[in-house]
N, C-alpha and C. Protein backbone atom coordinates (compact mmCIF):
# COMPACT_ATOMS: atom_id res chain seq x y z
N ILE A 1 0.83 -0.99 -0.06
CA ILE A 1 -0.20 0.16 -0.03
C ILE A 1 0.82 1.31 0.06
N SER A 2 0.59 2.33 -0.94
CA SER A 2 1.23 3.53 -0.74
C SER A 2 0.72 4.52 -1.03
N ALA A 3 0.35 5.60 0.24
CA ALA A 3 -0.19 6.81 -0.17
C ALA A 3 0.51 8.02 -0.30
N SER A 4 -0.10 8.89 -0.92
CA SER A 4 0.50 10.37 -0.94
C SER A 4 -0.65 11.66 -0.88
N LEU A 5 0.17 12.84 -0.21
CA LEU A 5 -0.44 13.61 -0.45
C LEU A 5 -0.97 14.66 -1.67
N THR A 6 -1.86 14.84 -2.02
CA THR A 6 -2.13 15.85 -3.31
C THR A 6 -2.71 17.12 -3.29
N ARG A 7 -1.62 17.89 -3.65
CA ARG A 7 -2.06 19.18 -3.74
C ARG A 7 -2.62 19.90 -4.86
N ASP A 8 -3.36 21.32 -4.92
CA ASP A 8 -3.78 21.58 -5.97
C ASP A 8 -2.63 22.88 -6.70
N LEU A 9 -2.74 23.69 -7.85
CA LEU A 9 -1.81 24.04 -8.41
C LEU A 9 -1.03 25.48 -7.57
N GLY A 10 -1.78 25.61 -6.52
CA GLY A 10 -1.00 26.72 -5.59
C GLY A 10 -0.25 25.97 -4.64
N GLY A 11 -0.42 24.85 -4.71
CA GLY A 11 0.25 23.98 -3.39
C GLY A 11 -0.15 23.70 -2.34
N ARG A 12 -1.75 23.76 -2.33
CA ARG A 12 -2.60 23.29 -1.15
C ARG A 12 -2.86 22.19 -1.19
N PRO A 13 -2.89 21.77 0.32
CA PRO A 13 -3.30 19.91 0.19
C PRO A 13 -4.72 19.94 0.33
N ILE A 14 -5.05 19.31 -0.72
CA ILE A 14 -6.44 19.08 -1.10
C ILE A 14 -6.67 17.21 -0.86
N GLY A 15 -5.95 16.58 -0.66
CA GLY A 15 -6.44 15.29 -0.24
C GLY A 15 -5.19 13.98 -0.14
N PHE A 16 -5.75 12.92 -0.01
CA PHE A 16 -4.71 12.06 -0.22
C PHE A 16 -5.36 10.84 -1.61
N ARG A 17 -4.36 10.51 -2.14
CA ARG A 17 -4.30 9.64 -3.26
C ARG A 17 -3.52 8.42 -2.36
N GLY A 18 -4.48 7.08 -2.80
CA GLY A 18 -3.57 5.79 -2.43
C GLY A 18 -3.80 4.73 -2.94
N VAL A 19 -2.89 4.11 -3.51
CA VAL A 19 -2.81 2.77 -4.16
C VAL A 19 -2.46 1.35 -3.50
N ALA A 20 -3.29 0.32 -3.57
CA ALA A 20 -3.47 -0.52 -2.97
C ALA A 20 -2.97 -2.05 -3.66
N ARG A 21 -2.23 -2.73 -3.33
CA ARG A 21 -1.58 -3.81 -4.54
C ARG A 21 -1.54 -5.12 -3.26
N ASP A 22 -2.09 -5.85 -3.85
CA ASP A 22 -2.24 -7.29 -3.12
C ASP A 22 -0.94 -8.22 -3.66
N VAL A 23 0.08 -8.32 -2.93
CA VAL A 23 1.28 -8.39 -2.78
C VAL A 23 0.97 -10.29 -2.72
N THR A 24 -0.08 -10.91 -2.02
CA THR A 24 -0.04 -12.30 -2.19
C THR A 24 -0.67 -12.76 -3.04
N GLU A 25 -1.49 -11.93 -3.98
CA GLU A 25 -2.16 -12.29 -5.45
C GLU A 25 -0.78 -12.70 -6.54
N HIS A 26 -0.20 -11.80 -6.58
CA HIS A 26 1.24 -11.44 -7.27
C HIS A 26 2.02 -13.08 -7.00
N LYS A 27 2.08 -13.13 -5.65
CA LYS A 27 3.27 -14.00 -5.16
C LYS A 27 2.83 -15.23 -5.34
N ARG A 28 1.36 -15.62 -5.73
CA ARG A 28 0.62 -16.77 -5.71
C ARG A 28 0.96 -17.53 -7.45
N ALA A 29 0.51 -15.92 -7.95
CA ALA A 29 1.01 -16.40 -9.64
C ALA A 29 2.33 -16.44 -9.71
N GLU A 30 3.21 -15.99 -9.41
CA GLU A 30 4.48 -16.50 -9.77
C GLU A 30 4.89 -17.84 -9.08
N GLU A 31 3.99 -18.47 -7.97
CA GLU A 31 4.15 -19.58 -7.43
C GLU A 31 3.94 -20.87 -8.70
N GLU A 32 2.49 -20.61 -8.77
CA GLU A 32 1.87 -21.33 -10.04
C GLU A 32 2.77 -21.40 -11.46
N LEU A 33 3.26 -20.13 -11.80
CA LEU A 33 4.15 -19.91 -12.79
C LEU A 33 5.05 -21.16 -12.73
N LYS A 34 5.75 -20.82 -11.84
CA LYS A 34 7.06 -21.50 -11.48
C LYS A 34 6.89 -23.12 -11.54
N LYS A 35 5.27 -23.96 -11.06
CA LYS A 35 5.16 -25.00 -10.92
C LYS A 35 4.60 -25.56 -12.43
N SER A 36 4.21 -24.73 -13.22
CA SER A 36 3.98 -25.12 -14.40
C SER A 36 5.16 -25.50 -15.45
N LYS A 37 6.37 -24.73 -14.94
CA LYS A 37 7.27 -24.53 -15.81
C LYS A 37 8.41 -25.86 -15.02
N GLU A 38 8.17 -26.31 -14.02
CA GLU A 38 8.76 -27.64 -13.22
C GLU A 38 8.04 -28.55 -14.14
N ALA A 39 6.57 -28.46 -14.08
CA ALA A 39 5.78 -29.71 -14.73
C ALA A 39 6.22 -29.94 -16.35
N ALA A 40 6.45 -28.81 -17.21
CA ALA A 40 6.86 -28.84 -18.35
C ALA A 40 8.01 -29.76 -18.41
N GLU A 41 9.40 -29.20 -17.33
CA GLU A 41 9.94 -29.53 -17.52
C GLU A 41 10.34 -31.17 -17.38
N LYS A 42 9.90 -31.61 -16.37
CA LYS A 42 9.43 -32.96 -15.97
C LYS A 42 8.93 -33.85 -17.29
N ALA A 43 7.96 -33.03 -17.98
CA ALA A 43 7.23 -34.06 -18.88
C ALA A 43 8.08 -33.96 -19.83
N ASN A 44 8.89 -33.08 -20.21
CA ASN A 44 9.81 -33.31 -21.60
C ASN A 44 10.84 -34.20 -21.52
N LEU A 45 11.66 -34.36 -20.01
CA LEU A 45 12.47 -35.15 -19.40
C LEU A 45 11.82 -36.39 -19.57
N ALA A 46 10.43 -36.59 -19.38
CA ALA A 46 10.02 -38.26 -19.42
C ALA A 46 9.80 -38.58 -20.77
N LYS A 47 9.46 -37.76 -22.02
CA LYS A 47 9.11 -37.95 -22.98
C LYS A 47 10.92 -38.30 -23.57
N THR A 48 11.60 -37.61 -23.38
CA THR A 48 13.16 -37.94 -24.31
C THR A 48 13.59 -39.65 -23.50
N GLU A 49 13.28 -39.46 -22.30
CA GLU A 49 13.71 -40.92 -21.69
C GLU A 49 12.86 -42.13 -22.69
N PHE A 50 11.62 -41.67 -22.52
CA PHE A 50 10.57 -42.56 -23.08
C PHE A 50 11.05 -43.05 -24.61
N LEU A 51 11.27 -42.16 -25.47
CA LEU A 51 11.71 -41.88 -27.00
C LEU A 51 13.32 -42.48 -26.87
N ALA A 52 14.19 -42.39 -25.47
CA ALA A 52 15.20 -43.62 -25.87
C ALA A 52 14.73 -44.89 -25.63
N ASN A 53 14.36 -45.35 -24.51
CA ASN A 53 13.94 -46.72 -24.24
C ASN A 53 12.95 -46.91 -25.45
N MET A 54 11.97 -46.66 -26.09
CA MET A 54 11.70 -46.98 -27.31
C MET A 54 12.63 -47.28 -28.53
N SER A 55 13.66 -46.67 -28.96
CA SER A 55 14.13 -46.41 -29.76
C SER A 55 15.02 -48.02 -29.62
N HIS A 56 15.10 -48.48 -28.66
CA HIS A 56 15.89 -49.89 -27.88
C HIS A 56 14.78 -51.02 -28.55
N GLU A 57 13.31 -50.71 -27.98
CA GLU A 57 12.54 -51.74 -27.75
C GLU A 57 12.00 -51.91 -29.13
N LEU A 58 11.60 -50.91 -30.08
CA LEU A 58 11.31 -50.89 -31.27
C LEU A 58 12.58 -51.25 -32.40
N ARG A 59 13.50 -50.78 -32.14
CA ARG A 59 14.41 -50.84 -33.19
C ARG A 59 15.14 -52.56 -32.93
N THR A 60 14.98 -53.10 -32.27
CA THR A 60 16.17 -54.53 -31.67
C THR A 60 14.92 -55.40 -32.56
N PRO A 61 13.72 -55.81 -32.24
CA PRO A 61 13.15 -56.71 -32.80
C PRO A 61 13.07 -56.65 -34.31
N LEU A 62 12.36 -55.09 -34.97
CA LEU A 62 12.39 -55.21 -36.02
C LEU A 62 13.96 -55.16 -37.18
N ASN A 63 15.09 -54.77 -36.32
CA ASN A 63 16.35 -55.26 -37.08
C ASN A 63 16.51 -57.01 -37.30
N HIS A 64 15.99 -57.45 -35.99
CA HIS A 64 15.94 -58.89 -36.18
C HIS A 64 15.31 -59.77 -37.55
N ILE A 65 13.66 -59.15 -37.26
CA ILE A 65 13.24 -59.26 -38.57
C ILE A 65 13.86 -59.08 -40.10
N ILE A 66 14.41 -57.72 -40.14
CA ILE A 66 15.06 -57.70 -41.44
C ILE A 66 16.63 -58.57 -41.20
N GLY A 67 17.22 -58.79 -40.75
CA GLY A 67 18.09 -59.69 -40.94
C GLY A 67 17.90 -61.27 -41.26
N PHE A 68 16.78 -61.63 -40.39
CA PHE A 68 16.08 -63.28 -40.65
C PHE A 68 15.99 -63.49 -41.94
N THR A 69 15.28 -62.03 -42.50
CA THR A 69 14.38 -61.77 -44.17
C THR A 69 15.23 -62.08 -45.20
N GLU A 70 16.43 -61.39 -44.94
CA GLU A 70 17.83 -61.05 -45.36
C GLU A 70 18.27 -62.49 -45.72
N LEU A 71 18.63 -63.58 -44.38
CA LEU A 71 19.06 -64.51 -44.81
C LEU A 71 18.02 -65.30 -45.75
N VAL A 72 17.01 -65.41 -45.27
CA VAL A 72 15.72 -66.16 -46.06
C VAL A 72 15.97 -65.60 -47.75
N VAL A 73 15.76 -64.64 -48.29
CA VAL A 73 15.80 -63.72 -49.28
C VAL A 73 17.01 -64.37 -49.75
N ASP A 74 17.98 -64.20 -49.52
CA ASP A 74 19.56 -64.31 -49.86
C ASP A 74 19.67 -65.83 -50.36
N LYS A 75 18.67 -66.55 -50.02
CA LYS A 75 19.09 -68.37 -50.10
C LYS A 75 19.82 -68.77 -49.42
N GLN A 76 19.85 -68.08 -47.95
CA GLN A 76 21.09 -69.06 -47.24
C GLN A 76 20.25 -70.53 -46.74
N LEU A 77 18.82 -70.24 -46.70
CA LEU A 77 18.68 -71.36 -46.04
C LEU A 77 17.85 -72.20 -47.09
N GLY A 78 18.36 -71.88 -48.26
CA GLY A 78 17.46 -73.09 -49.37
C GLY A 78 16.81 -72.22 -50.38
N ASP A 79 16.67 -72.98 -51.40
CA ASP A 79 15.74 -72.38 -52.36
C ASP A 79 14.21 -71.50 -52.36
N LEU A 80 13.88 -70.80 -53.09
CA LEU A 80 13.00 -70.01 -53.13
C LEU A 80 11.82 -70.15 -54.48
N ASN A 81 10.58 -69.93 -54.48
CA ASN A 81 9.96 -70.31 -55.64
C ASN A 81 10.04 -68.63 -55.76
N ASP A 82 9.34 -68.08 -57.15
CA ASP A 82 9.23 -66.86 -57.08
C ASP A 82 8.26 -66.11 -56.59
N THR A 83 7.53 -66.73 -56.06
CA THR A 83 5.97 -66.37 -55.24
C THR A 83 6.98 -65.58 -53.84
N GLN A 84 7.53 -66.77 -53.27
CA GLN A 84 8.40 -66.63 -52.14
C GLN A 84 9.22 -65.68 -52.18
N GLN A 85 10.26 -65.90 -53.26
CA GLN A 85 11.02 -64.58 -53.36
C GLN A 85 10.46 -63.07 -53.51
N GLU A 86 9.23 -62.74 -54.02
CA GLU A 86 8.41 -61.68 -54.15
C GLU A 86 7.85 -61.06 -53.02
N TYR A 87 7.60 -62.13 -52.57
CA TYR A 87 6.61 -62.06 -50.81
C TYR A 87 7.79 -61.79 -49.55
N LEU A 88 8.94 -61.94 -49.84
CA LEU A 88 10.02 -61.91 -48.82
C LEU A 88 10.56 -60.73 -48.98
N ASN A 89 11.02 -60.52 -50.04
CA ASN A 89 10.93 -58.88 -50.64
C ASN A 89 10.43 -58.02 -50.50
N ASP A 90 9.33 -58.16 -50.41
CA ASP A 90 8.24 -57.30 -50.08
C ASP A 90 8.09 -56.59 -48.80
N VAL A 91 8.16 -58.11 -47.65
CA VAL A 91 8.56 -57.96 -46.30
C VAL A 91 9.48 -57.32 -46.08
N LEU A 92 10.69 -57.71 -46.55
CA LEU A 92 11.86 -56.93 -46.38
C LEU A 92 11.89 -55.54 -46.79
N ASN A 93 11.24 -54.75 -47.87
CA ASN A 93 11.08 -53.70 -47.80
C ASN A 93 10.57 -52.86 -47.22
N SER A 94 9.36 -53.65 -46.58
CA SER A 94 8.24 -52.79 -45.94
C SER A 94 8.94 -52.87 -44.47
N SER A 95 9.36 -53.61 -44.00
CA SER A 95 10.70 -53.52 -42.60
C SER A 95 11.23 -52.49 -42.81
N LYS A 96 11.93 -52.50 -43.98
CA LYS A 96 12.82 -51.43 -43.80
C LYS A 96 12.31 -49.90 -43.57
N HIS A 97 11.16 -49.51 -44.55
CA HIS A 97 10.62 -48.69 -44.77
C HIS A 97 10.18 -48.15 -42.72
N LEU A 98 9.57 -49.66 -42.35
CA LEU A 98 8.90 -49.04 -41.10
C LEU A 98 10.10 -48.86 -39.92
N LEU A 99 11.53 -49.26 -40.12
CA LEU A 99 12.68 -48.82 -39.69
C LEU A 99 12.56 -47.44 -39.91
N SER A 100 12.61 -46.70 -40.71
CA SER A 100 12.96 -45.60 -41.24
C SER A 100 11.83 -44.61 -40.52
N LEU A 101 10.50 -45.07 -40.72
CA LEU A 101 9.19 -44.07 -39.82
C LEU A 101 9.95 -44.06 -38.17
N ILE A 102 10.18 -45.05 -37.34
CA ILE A 102 10.60 -45.65 -36.58
C ILE A 102 11.49 -43.86 -35.95
N ASN A 103 12.77 -44.41 -37.01
CA ASN A 103 13.98 -43.55 -36.43
C ASN A 103 13.26 -42.15 -37.05
N ASP A 104 12.20 -41.61 -37.96
CA ASP A 104 12.13 -40.23 -37.90
C ASP A 104 11.04 -39.89 -36.55
N VAL A 105 10.40 -40.37 -36.00
CA VAL A 105 9.55 -40.71 -34.88
C VAL A 105 10.15 -40.33 -33.83
N LEU A 106 11.58 -41.44 -33.57
CA LEU A 106 12.26 -41.21 -32.56
C LEU A 106 13.25 -40.08 -32.70
N ASP A 107 13.39 -39.30 -33.42
CA ASP A 107 13.91 -38.24 -33.98
C ASP A 107 13.42 -37.28 -33.76
N LEU A 108 12.30 -36.92 -33.22
CA LEU A 108 11.56 -35.60 -32.91
C LEU A 108 12.14 -34.49 -31.95
N SER A 109 13.10 -34.91 -31.15
CA SER A 109 13.72 -33.95 -30.57
C SER A 109 14.64 -32.87 -31.81
N LYS A 110 14.97 -33.52 -32.93
CA LYS A 110 15.88 -32.68 -33.75
C LYS A 110 14.52 -31.75 -34.79
N VAL A 111 13.36 -32.28 -34.94
CA VAL A 111 12.01 -31.39 -35.42
C VAL A 111 11.60 -30.62 -34.54
N GLU A 112 11.77 -30.58 -32.99
CA GLU A 112 11.12 -29.56 -32.00
C GLU A 112 12.13 -28.42 -31.62
N ALA A 113 13.57 -29.17 -32.34
CA ALA A 113 14.72 -27.81 -32.24
C ALA A 113 14.62 -27.24 -33.69
N GLY A 114 14.28 -27.28 -34.77
CA GLY A 114 13.99 -27.15 -35.94
C GLY A 114 15.52 -27.46 -36.53
N ARG A 115 15.72 -28.51 -36.32
CA ARG A 115 16.99 -28.93 -36.87
C ARG A 115 17.02 -30.12 -37.61
N GLN A 116 16.07 -30.36 -38.17
CA GLN A 116 15.72 -31.31 -39.25
C GLN A 116 16.38 -31.02 -40.50
N GLU A 117 17.11 -32.12 -40.97
CA GLU A 117 17.98 -31.78 -41.93
C GLU A 117 17.73 -33.21 -43.09
N LEU A 118 17.90 -32.84 -44.45
CA LEU A 118 17.71 -33.44 -45.64
C LEU A 118 19.15 -34.40 -45.54
N LYS A 119 18.69 -35.50 -45.84
CA LYS A 119 19.93 -36.39 -46.09
C LYS A 119 19.92 -36.61 -47.77
N THR A 120 20.46 -36.04 -48.50
CA THR A 120 20.64 -36.28 -50.23
C THR A 120 21.56 -37.38 -50.59
N SER A 121 20.94 -38.13 -51.42
CA SER A 121 21.98 -39.06 -52.14
C SER A 121 21.80 -39.32 -53.38
N GLU A 122 21.87 -40.44 -53.88
CA GLU A 122 21.59 -40.64 -55.16
C GLU A 122 20.31 -41.61 -55.24
N VAL A 123 19.27 -41.33 -55.40
CA VAL A 123 18.06 -41.83 -55.22
C VAL A 123 17.67 -42.99 -57.09
N THR A 124 17.23 -44.30 -57.30
CA THR A 124 17.22 -44.66 -58.55
C THR A 124 15.48 -44.62 -58.31
N VAL A 125 15.03 -43.75 -59.44
CA VAL A 125 13.83 -43.12 -59.15
C VAL A 125 12.60 -44.52 -59.52
N HIS A 126 12.67 -45.46 -60.31
CA HIS A 126 11.97 -46.69 -60.75
C HIS A 126 12.35 -47.49 -59.26
N ASP A 127 13.14 -47.52 -59.09
CA ASP A 127 13.15 -48.78 -57.98
C ASP A 127 12.29 -47.95 -56.75
N LEU A 128 12.69 -46.85 -56.45
CA LEU A 128 11.83 -46.12 -55.28
C LEU A 128 10.33 -46.07 -55.53
N LEU A 129 9.75 -45.78 -56.78
CA LEU A 129 8.64 -45.90 -57.11
C LEU A 129 7.70 -47.63 -57.10
N ALA A 130 8.58 -48.58 -57.69
CA ALA A 130 8.21 -49.80 -57.83
C ALA A 130 8.04 -50.09 -56.18
N ASP A 131 8.99 -49.70 -55.09
CA ASP A 131 9.20 -50.13 -53.51
C ASP A 131 7.87 -49.46 -53.23
N SER A 132 7.88 -48.59 -53.53
CA SER A 132 6.55 -47.59 -52.81
C SER A 132 5.18 -48.69 -53.14
N LEU A 133 4.88 -48.39 -54.35
CA LEU A 133 3.81 -49.81 -54.84
C LEU A 133 3.34 -50.90 -54.13
N ALA A 134 4.79 -51.43 -54.17
CA ALA A 134 5.14 -52.95 -53.54
C ALA A 134 4.42 -52.78 -52.28
N MET A 135 4.97 -52.06 -51.47
CA MET A 135 4.19 -51.70 -49.98
C MET A 135 2.49 -51.92 -49.51
N VAL A 136 2.14 -51.31 -50.96
CA VAL A 136 0.31 -51.54 -51.11
C VAL A 136 -0.48 -52.73 -51.80
N LYS A 137 0.72 -53.39 -52.19
CA LYS A 137 0.17 -54.71 -53.20
C LYS A 137 -0.69 -55.35 -52.89
N GLU A 138 -0.70 -56.07 -51.38
CA GLU A 138 -1.52 -56.70 -50.72
C GLU A 138 -3.20 -56.18 -50.52
N LYS A 139 -2.88 -54.76 -49.82
CA LYS A 139 -4.11 -54.34 -49.69
C LYS A 139 -4.83 -54.22 -50.86
N ALA A 140 -4.12 -53.83 -52.09
CA ALA A 140 -4.85 -53.34 -53.37
C ALA A 140 -5.08 -54.82 -54.03
N ARG A 141 -4.31 -55.93 -53.97
CA ARG A 141 -5.26 -57.42 -54.35
C ARG A 141 -6.50 -57.56 -53.41
N GLN A 142 -6.31 -57.66 -52.06
CA GLN A 142 -7.91 -57.77 -50.84
C GLN A 142 -9.01 -57.13 -51.74
N HIS A 143 -8.69 -55.93 -52.51
CA HIS A 143 -9.60 -55.16 -52.63
C HIS A 143 -9.77 -54.58 -54.33
N ARG A 144 -9.19 -56.09 -55.01
CA ARG A 144 -9.06 -55.82 -56.14
C ARG A 144 -8.82 -54.84 -56.97
N ILE A 145 -7.91 -54.12 -56.56
CA ILE A 145 -7.33 -52.94 -57.23
C ILE A 145 -6.05 -52.91 -58.00
N GLU A 146 -6.18 -52.65 -59.09
CA GLU A 146 -5.20 -52.76 -60.26
C GLU A 146 -4.30 -51.61 -59.89
N LEU A 147 -2.64 -51.84 -59.83
CA LEU A 147 -1.61 -51.22 -59.62
C LEU A 147 -0.83 -50.89 -60.77
N SER A 148 -0.16 -49.64 -61.39
CA SER A 148 0.31 -49.34 -62.49
C SER A 148 1.14 -48.60 -62.03
N LEU A 149 2.52 -48.84 -62.91
CA LEU A 149 3.67 -47.91 -63.03
C LEU A 149 3.71 -46.97 -64.20
N ASP A 150 3.94 -46.19 -64.21
CA ASP A 150 4.44 -45.78 -65.99
C ASP A 150 5.22 -44.44 -65.80
N LEU A 151 6.73 -44.63 -65.77
CA LEU A 151 7.36 -43.99 -66.16
C LEU A 151 8.05 -43.39 -67.44
N ASP A 152 7.86 -42.25 -67.57
CA ASP A 152 8.17 -41.77 -68.98
C ASP A 152 9.23 -40.61 -69.08
N GLY A 153 10.31 -40.92 -69.95
CA GLY A 153 11.34 -39.52 -70.03
C GLY A 153 11.82 -39.17 -68.71
N ILE A 154 11.69 -39.84 -67.63
CA ILE A 154 12.35 -39.50 -66.37
C ILE A 154 13.88 -39.66 -66.53
N PRO A 155 14.81 -39.04 -64.95
CA PRO A 155 15.95 -39.77 -65.05
C PRO A 155 16.07 -40.80 -64.43
N GLU A 156 16.92 -41.65 -64.81
CA GLU A 156 17.26 -42.73 -64.07
C GLU A 156 17.94 -42.83 -62.55
N VAL A 157 18.25 -41.40 -62.44
CA VAL A 157 18.72 -41.15 -60.89
C VAL A 157 18.60 -40.05 -60.55
N ILE A 158 18.23 -39.57 -59.33
CA ILE A 158 17.80 -38.11 -59.07
C ILE A 158 18.57 -37.94 -57.75
N LYS A 159 18.79 -37.01 -57.41
CA LYS A 159 19.64 -36.80 -55.73
C LYS A 159 18.21 -36.04 -54.77
N ALA A 160 17.89 -36.92 -53.64
CA ALA A 160 17.00 -36.64 -53.27
C ALA A 160 17.50 -37.23 -51.65
N ASP A 161 16.45 -36.70 -50.55
CA ASP A 161 16.29 -37.60 -49.59
C ASP A 161 15.60 -38.63 -49.37
N GLU A 162 15.98 -40.08 -50.00
CA GLU A 162 15.53 -40.87 -50.25
C GLU A 162 14.19 -41.53 -49.41
N ARG A 163 14.62 -41.22 -47.78
CA ARG A 163 13.58 -41.71 -47.05
C ARG A 163 12.45 -40.54 -46.81
N LYS A 164 12.53 -39.49 -46.88
CA LYS A 164 11.48 -38.79 -46.73
C LYS A 164 10.75 -38.61 -48.58
N LEU A 165 11.30 -38.76 -49.35
CA LEU A 165 10.60 -39.19 -50.69
C LEU A 165 9.67 -40.25 -50.37
N LYS A 166 10.27 -41.48 -50.15
CA LYS A 166 9.52 -42.79 -49.80
C LYS A 166 8.45 -42.58 -48.87
N GLN A 167 8.56 -41.71 -48.00
CA GLN A 167 7.20 -41.62 -47.10
C GLN A 167 6.58 -40.85 -47.59
N VAL A 168 6.39 -39.48 -48.74
CA VAL A 168 5.79 -39.06 -49.20
C VAL A 168 4.90 -39.55 -50.09
N PHE A 169 5.77 -40.83 -51.42
CA PHE A 169 5.13 -41.52 -52.29
C PHE A 169 3.92 -42.88 -51.31
N TYR A 170 4.65 -43.03 -50.54
CA TYR A 170 3.99 -44.54 -49.89
C TYR A 170 2.29 -43.78 -49.20
N ASN A 171 2.63 -42.33 -48.81
CA ASN A 171 1.27 -41.74 -48.08
C ASN A 171 0.40 -41.83 -49.32
N LEU A 172 0.83 -41.00 -50.42
CA LEU A 172 -0.14 -40.82 -51.73
C LEU A 172 -0.63 -42.07 -51.78
N ILE A 173 0.28 -43.28 -52.30
CA ILE A 173 -0.21 -44.28 -52.96
C ILE A 173 -1.42 -44.93 -51.70
N SER A 174 -0.90 -45.15 -50.61
CA SER A 174 -1.89 -45.81 -49.64
C SER A 174 -3.27 -44.98 -49.48
N ASN A 175 -2.95 -43.57 -49.49
CA ASN A 175 -4.48 -42.82 -49.43
C ASN A 175 -5.07 -43.84 -51.16
N ALA A 176 -4.38 -43.55 -52.11
CA ALA A 176 -5.13 -43.68 -53.29
C ALA A 176 -5.90 -45.17 -53.33
N VAL A 177 -5.10 -46.02 -52.69
CA VAL A 177 -5.48 -47.49 -52.41
C VAL A 177 -6.72 -47.31 -51.60
N LYS A 178 -6.58 -46.72 -50.57
CA LYS A 178 -7.82 -46.59 -49.49
C LYS A 178 -9.01 -46.10 -49.97
N PHE A 179 -9.02 -45.37 -50.95
CA PHE A 179 -9.98 -44.15 -51.15
C PHE A 179 -10.67 -44.55 -52.70
N THR A 180 -9.65 -45.78 -53.08
CA THR A 180 -10.50 -46.11 -54.80
C THR A 180 -11.09 -46.95 -54.54
N PRO A 181 -12.66 -47.46 -54.96
CA PRO A 181 -13.70 -48.32 -55.09
C PRO A 181 -13.09 -49.74 -55.62
N GLU A 182 -13.80 -50.20 -55.07
CA GLU A 182 -12.76 -52.02 -54.94
C GLU A 182 -13.02 -51.96 -56.56
N GLY A 183 -12.06 -52.89 -57.20
CA GLY A 183 -12.04 -53.30 -58.65
C GLY A 183 -11.61 -52.06 -59.09
N GLY A 184 -11.09 -51.11 -58.71
CA GLY A 184 -10.67 -49.92 -59.62
C GLY A 184 -9.15 -50.03 -59.98
N CYS A 185 -8.26 -48.76 -60.35
CA CYS A 185 -7.06 -48.93 -60.39
C CYS A 185 -6.40 -47.58 -60.01
N VAL A 186 -4.76 -47.71 -59.56
CA VAL A 186 -4.35 -46.80 -59.17
C VAL A 186 -2.97 -46.65 -59.58
N SER A 187 -3.07 -45.65 -60.82
CA SER A 187 -1.57 -45.76 -61.86
C SER A 187 -0.67 -44.55 -60.69
N LEU A 188 1.01 -45.13 -61.15
CA LEU A 188 1.74 -44.09 -60.57
C LEU A 188 2.38 -43.70 -61.97
N THR A 189 2.11 -42.53 -62.14
CA THR A 189 2.79 -41.87 -63.57
C THR A 189 3.73 -40.63 -63.10
N ALA A 190 4.95 -40.95 -63.30
CA ALA A 190 5.89 -39.77 -63.46
C ALA A 190 6.38 -39.28 -64.86
N ARG A 191 6.74 -37.83 -65.32
CA ARG A 191 7.38 -37.17 -66.39
C ARG A 191 7.84 -36.22 -65.74
N MET A 192 8.71 -35.51 -66.71
CA MET A 192 9.60 -34.77 -66.69
C MET A 192 8.57 -33.22 -66.55
N ALA A 193 8.93 -32.55 -65.77
CA ALA A 193 8.03 -31.20 -65.68
C ALA A 193 8.93 -29.97 -66.29
N SER A 194 8.01 -29.64 -67.24
CA SER A 194 8.40 -28.64 -68.46
C SER A 194 8.91 -27.07 -67.82
């Protein structure tokens, strides 16, 4: 609380002016803010620990699936017929794609810090697009949806972030299959932009 004597222009006293502040309310607000900040920091630490634990828990079994599938695909355990070879290659490609998605999810700290970077490399366009179609092949087959790939006049190799590009194509193709009526057709076409 503060008070002062008020005077007129001639300097004669005419009254008191007072200002009262409730310090208690201000202190309570500061304490609430401090508690909120501590809770946010605690939640952030818990999230970081969770992601670190999940990194191991998710990657370890997936790496086993990839490793054993590679053994079978490489015919280390005997010959495969064409259908087995095709299906196991699909399993292998899908497993590797899932691993890359898990890596992206577990890399949230870089996204939150605004430090997400593109990792460019040489990408074989046909293989990338064919692999993207292969990942939805079974779902398309179940709904009698025909898949086709039409590449015309595009470069064999481009420079891009393969993992992110594959994510984009997988999401687009997966949605196309999801929203295409039974017995329809999904065509992936690539052309050079003019």
